[in-house]
Amino acid sequence: MSPDVFTIYWILKNEKIEQAEDIARQAEKLFNEYPHWKISEEQERELKKKLYKIIMQAIRNSSKQITDLGKNSNHIKRELMK
């Protein structure tokens, strides 16, 4: 598991998102699909769009989780950009 994928897993797990491991596995495929996301605005945009879609699909039945995760989305981005 790459550091970027682990970051997503860890943050989601700490937020008590039950599907954290599944989301992280799907995210890993996306990071492989967009390997230059840190330097390419286009790849970053596409990665974020697809990653948010995965997260929202996984937790769409829990509005509390969506609200809480929305508060921490900037935290996820900051951690990934390190």
N, C-alpha and C. Protein backbone atom coordinates (compact mmCIF):
# COMPACT_ATOMS: atom_id res chain seq x y z
N MET A 1 0.86 -1.18 0.00
CA MET A 1 0.00 0.00 0.00
C MET A 1 0.90 1.24 0.00
N SER A 2 0.66 2.10 -0.95
CA SER A 2 1.48 3.31 -1.06
C SER A 2 1.15 4.28 0.08
N PRO A 3 2.04 5.22 0.36
CA PRO A 3 1.76 6.22 1.40
C PRO A 3 0.48 7.02 1.13
N ASP A 4 0.22 7.35 -0.14
CA ASP A 4 -0.99 8.10 -0.48
C ASP A 4 -2.24 7.29 -0.16
N VAL A 5 -2.23 6.03 -0.52
CA VAL A 5 -3.37 5.16 -0.27
C VAL A 5 -3.54 4.93 1.23
N PHE A 6 -2.43 4.71 1.93
CA PHE A 6 -2.52 4.52 3.37
C PHE A 6 -3.08 5.77 4.05
N THR A 7 -2.71 6.94 3.56
CA THR A 7 -3.24 8.19 4.13
C THR A 7 -4.76 8.23 4.02
N ILE A 8 -5.26 7.88 2.86
CA ILE A 8 -6.72 7.86 2.68
C ILE A 8 -7.35 6.84 3.61
N TYR A 9 -6.77 5.65 3.66
CA TYR A 9 -7.30 4.60 4.54
C TYR A 9 -7.31 5.07 5.99
N TRP A 10 -6.20 5.60 6.45
CA TRP A 10 -6.06 5.99 7.85
C TRP A 10 -7.06 7.09 8.25
N ILE A 11 -7.20 8.08 7.41
CA ILE A 11 -8.13 9.18 7.71
C ILE A 11 -9.56 8.66 7.72
N LEU A 12 -9.93 7.86 6.73
CA LEU A 12 -11.29 7.31 6.69
C LEU A 12 -11.54 6.38 7.89
N LYS A 13 -10.57 5.58 8.23
CA LYS A 13 -10.70 4.68 9.38
C LYS A 13 -10.87 5.48 10.67
N ASN A 14 -10.10 6.55 10.82
CA ASN A 14 -10.22 7.39 12.01
C ASN A 14 -11.57 8.11 12.07
N GLU A 15 -12.17 8.31 10.90
CA GLU A 15 -13.50 8.93 10.84
C GLU A 15 -14.61 7.89 11.00
N LYS A 16 -14.21 6.66 11.28
CA LYS A 16 -15.15 5.54 11.51
C LYS A 16 -15.95 5.20 10.25
N ILE A 17 -15.32 5.36 9.08
CA ILE A 17 -15.95 4.97 7.83
C ILE A 17 -15.73 3.47 7.67
N GLU A 18 -16.81 2.70 7.72
CA GLU A 18 -16.70 1.25 7.71
C GLU A 18 -16.05 0.71 6.44
N GLN A 19 -16.21 1.38 5.34
CA GLN A 19 -15.69 0.91 4.06
C GLN A 19 -14.28 1.43 3.77
N ALA A 20 -13.56 1.87 4.77
CA ALA A 20 -12.26 2.52 4.56
C ALA A 20 -11.30 1.64 3.76
N GLU A 21 -11.25 0.36 4.07
CA GLU A 21 -10.32 -0.52 3.37
C GLU A 21 -10.71 -0.70 1.90
N ASP A 22 -12.00 -0.86 1.64
CA ASP A 22 -12.46 -0.99 0.25
C ASP A 22 -12.19 0.28 -0.55
N ILE A 23 -12.44 1.42 0.06
CA ILE A 23 -12.18 2.70 -0.61
C ILE A 23 -10.69 2.84 -0.91
N ALA A 24 -9.86 2.45 0.04
CA ALA A 24 -8.41 2.55 -0.16
C ALA A 24 -7.95 1.65 -1.32
N ARG A 25 -8.51 0.45 -1.42
CA ARG A 25 -8.16 -0.44 -2.54
C ARG A 25 -8.54 0.18 -3.88
N GLN A 26 -9.71 0.78 -3.94
CA GLN A 26 -10.14 1.43 -5.17
C GLN A 26 -9.27 2.66 -5.46
N ALA A 27 -8.91 3.37 -4.41
CA ALA A 27 -8.06 4.56 -4.57
C ALA A 27 -6.69 4.18 -5.14
N GLU A 28 -6.18 3.03 -4.71
CA GLU A 28 -4.88 2.60 -5.21
C GLU A 28 -4.90 2.44 -6.73
N LYS A 29 -5.98 1.90 -7.25
CA LYS A 29 -6.12 1.77 -8.71
C LYS A 29 -6.11 3.14 -9.38
N LEU A 30 -6.78 4.10 -8.74
CA LEU A 30 -6.81 5.45 -9.30
C LEU A 30 -5.44 6.11 -9.28
N PHE A 31 -4.70 5.93 -8.19
CA PHE A 31 -3.36 6.51 -8.12
C PHE A 31 -2.46 5.91 -9.19
N ASN A 32 -2.66 4.63 -9.51
CA ASN A 32 -1.89 4.01 -10.59
C ASN A 32 -2.32 4.54 -11.95
N GLU A 33 -3.60 4.85 -12.08
CA GLU A 33 -4.13 5.39 -13.33
C GLU A 33 -3.66 6.82 -13.58
N TYR A 34 -3.44 7.57 -12.50
CA TYR A 34 -3.01 8.98 -12.59
C TYR A 34 -1.71 9.18 -11.82
N PRO A 35 -0.60 8.63 -12.31
CA PRO A 35 0.66 8.66 -11.55
C PRO A 35 1.28 10.05 -11.39
N HIS A 36 0.87 10.99 -12.22
CA HIS A 36 1.47 12.33 -12.16
C HIS A 36 0.52 13.36 -11.55
N TRP A 37 -0.37 12.90 -10.70
CA TRP A 37 -1.40 13.78 -10.15
C TRP A 37 -0.84 14.92 -9.32
N LYS A 38 0.36 14.76 -8.76
CA LYS A 38 0.93 15.83 -7.94
C LYS A 38 1.51 16.97 -8.78
N ILE A 39 1.80 16.70 -10.04
CA ILE A 39 2.40 17.74 -10.89
C ILE A 39 1.52 18.12 -12.07
N SER A 40 0.48 17.36 -12.32
CA SER A 40 -0.41 17.63 -13.44
C SER A 40 -1.79 18.04 -12.92
N GLU A 41 -2.17 19.27 -13.21
CA GLU A 41 -3.48 19.74 -12.76
C GLU A 41 -4.61 18.90 -13.34
N GLU A 42 -4.46 18.49 -14.58
CA GLU A 42 -5.49 17.67 -15.22
C GLU A 42 -5.63 16.32 -14.52
N GLN A 43 -4.50 15.67 -14.23
CA GLN A 43 -4.56 14.39 -13.54
C GLN A 43 -5.10 14.55 -12.12
N GLU A 44 -4.69 15.61 -11.44
CA GLU A 44 -5.20 15.86 -10.08
C GLU A 44 -6.71 16.04 -10.11
N ARG A 45 -7.19 16.81 -11.06
CA ARG A 45 -8.63 17.06 -11.18
C ARG A 45 -9.40 15.76 -11.42
N GLU A 46 -8.92 14.94 -12.33
CA GLU A 46 -9.59 13.67 -12.64
C GLU A 46 -9.52 12.71 -11.47
N LEU A 47 -8.36 12.65 -10.82
CA LEU A 47 -8.21 11.78 -9.66
C LEU A 47 -9.17 12.17 -8.55
N LYS A 48 -9.22 13.45 -8.24
CA LYS A 48 -10.12 13.92 -7.17
C LYS A 48 -11.57 13.63 -7.51
N LYS A 49 -11.95 13.87 -8.74
CA LYS A 49 -13.33 13.63 -9.16
C LYS A 49 -13.71 12.16 -8.96
N LYS A 50 -12.84 11.26 -9.40
CA LYS A 50 -13.13 9.84 -9.28
C LYS A 50 -13.02 9.35 -7.84
N LEU A 51 -12.08 9.90 -7.10
CA LEU A 51 -11.93 9.51 -5.70
C LEU A 51 -13.13 9.94 -4.87
N TYR A 52 -13.58 11.17 -5.06
CA TYR A 52 -14.77 11.64 -4.34
C TYR A 52 -16.00 10.80 -4.70
N LYS A 53 -16.08 10.41 -5.97
CA LYS A 53 -17.21 9.58 -6.40
C LYS A 53 -17.20 8.24 -5.67
N ILE A 54 -16.04 7.63 -5.56
CA ILE A 54 -15.91 6.36 -4.84
C ILE A 54 -16.31 6.53 -3.38
N ILE A 55 -15.81 7.57 -2.76
CA ILE A 55 -16.11 7.80 -1.34
C ILE A 55 -17.60 8.04 -1.15
N MET A 56 -18.18 8.87 -1.99
CA MET A 56 -19.60 9.20 -1.84
C MET A 56 -20.48 7.98 -2.09
N GLN A 57 -20.14 7.15 -3.06
CA GLN A 57 -20.91 5.94 -3.30
C GLN A 57 -20.85 4.99 -2.12
N ALA A 58 -19.69 4.91 -1.51
CA ALA A 58 -19.51 3.98 -0.40
C ALA A 58 -20.26 4.41 0.86
N ILE A 59 -20.41 5.71 1.04
CA ILE A 59 -21.02 6.18 2.29
C ILE A 59 -22.31 6.96 2.08
N ARG A 60 -22.91 6.83 0.92
CA ARG A 60 -24.10 7.61 0.60
C ARG A 60 -25.28 7.38 1.54
N ASN A 61 -25.31 6.27 2.21
CA ASN A 61 -26.43 5.98 3.11
C ASN A 61 -26.28 6.59 4.49
N SER A 62 -25.17 7.26 4.73
CA SER A 62 -24.95 7.83 6.05
C SER A 62 -24.64 9.32 5.93
N SER A 63 -25.64 10.17 6.09
CA SER A 63 -25.43 11.61 5.94
C SER A 63 -24.48 12.15 6.99
N LYS A 64 -24.47 11.56 8.18
CA LYS A 64 -23.54 12.02 9.21
C LYS A 64 -22.10 11.81 8.75
N GLN A 65 -21.82 10.63 8.20
CA GLN A 65 -20.48 10.36 7.72
C GLN A 65 -20.10 11.31 6.59
N ILE A 66 -21.02 11.58 5.70
CA ILE A 66 -20.74 12.49 4.59
C ILE A 66 -20.43 13.88 5.11
N THR A 67 -21.21 14.36 6.06
CA THR A 67 -20.98 15.68 6.64
C THR A 67 -19.63 15.73 7.34
N ASP A 68 -19.34 14.72 8.15
CA ASP A 68 -18.08 14.68 8.87
C ASP A 68 -16.90 14.60 7.91
N LEU A 69 -17.03 13.78 6.88
CA LEU A 69 -15.94 13.63 5.94
C LEU A 69 -15.73 14.92 5.16
N GLY A 70 -16.81 15.61 4.82
CA GLY A 70 -16.69 16.88 4.12
C GLY A 70 -15.87 17.88 4.91
N LYS A 71 -16.00 17.85 6.22
CA LYS A 71 -15.23 18.76 7.07
C LYS A 71 -13.74 18.44 7.01
N ASN A 72 -13.41 17.18 6.69
CA ASN A 72 -12.02 16.76 6.71
C ASN A 72 -11.41 16.59 5.32
N SER A 73 -12.13 16.95 4.27
CA SER A 73 -11.59 16.76 2.92
C SER A 73 -10.33 17.57 2.68
N ASN A 74 -10.25 18.76 3.24
CA ASN A 74 -9.03 19.56 3.10
C ASN A 74 -7.87 18.90 3.83
N HIS A 75 -8.16 18.26 4.94
CA HIS A 75 -7.12 17.54 5.69
C HIS A 75 -6.54 16.41 4.83
N ILE A 76 -7.42 15.68 4.14
CA ILE A 76 -6.96 14.61 3.26
C ILE A 76 -6.05 15.17 2.18
N LYS A 77 -6.46 16.25 1.55
CA LYS A 77 -5.66 16.85 0.48
C LYS A 77 -4.30 17.31 1.02
N ARG A 78 -4.29 17.97 2.17
CA ARG A 78 -3.01 18.43 2.75
C ARG A 78 -2.08 17.27 3.01
N GLU A 79 -2.61 16.18 3.56
CA GLU A 79 -1.78 15.02 3.87
C GLU A 79 -1.21 14.38 2.60
N LEU A 80 -2.01 14.33 1.56
CA LEU A 80 -1.55 13.72 0.32
C LEU A 80 -0.50 14.56 -0.38
N MET A 81 -0.55 15.86 -0.20
CA MET A 81 0.40 16.74 -0.89
C MET A 81 1.75 16.82 -0.20
N LYS A 82 1.91 16.18 0.92
CA LYS A 82 3.21 16.20 1.61
C LYS A 82 4.25 15.45 0.85
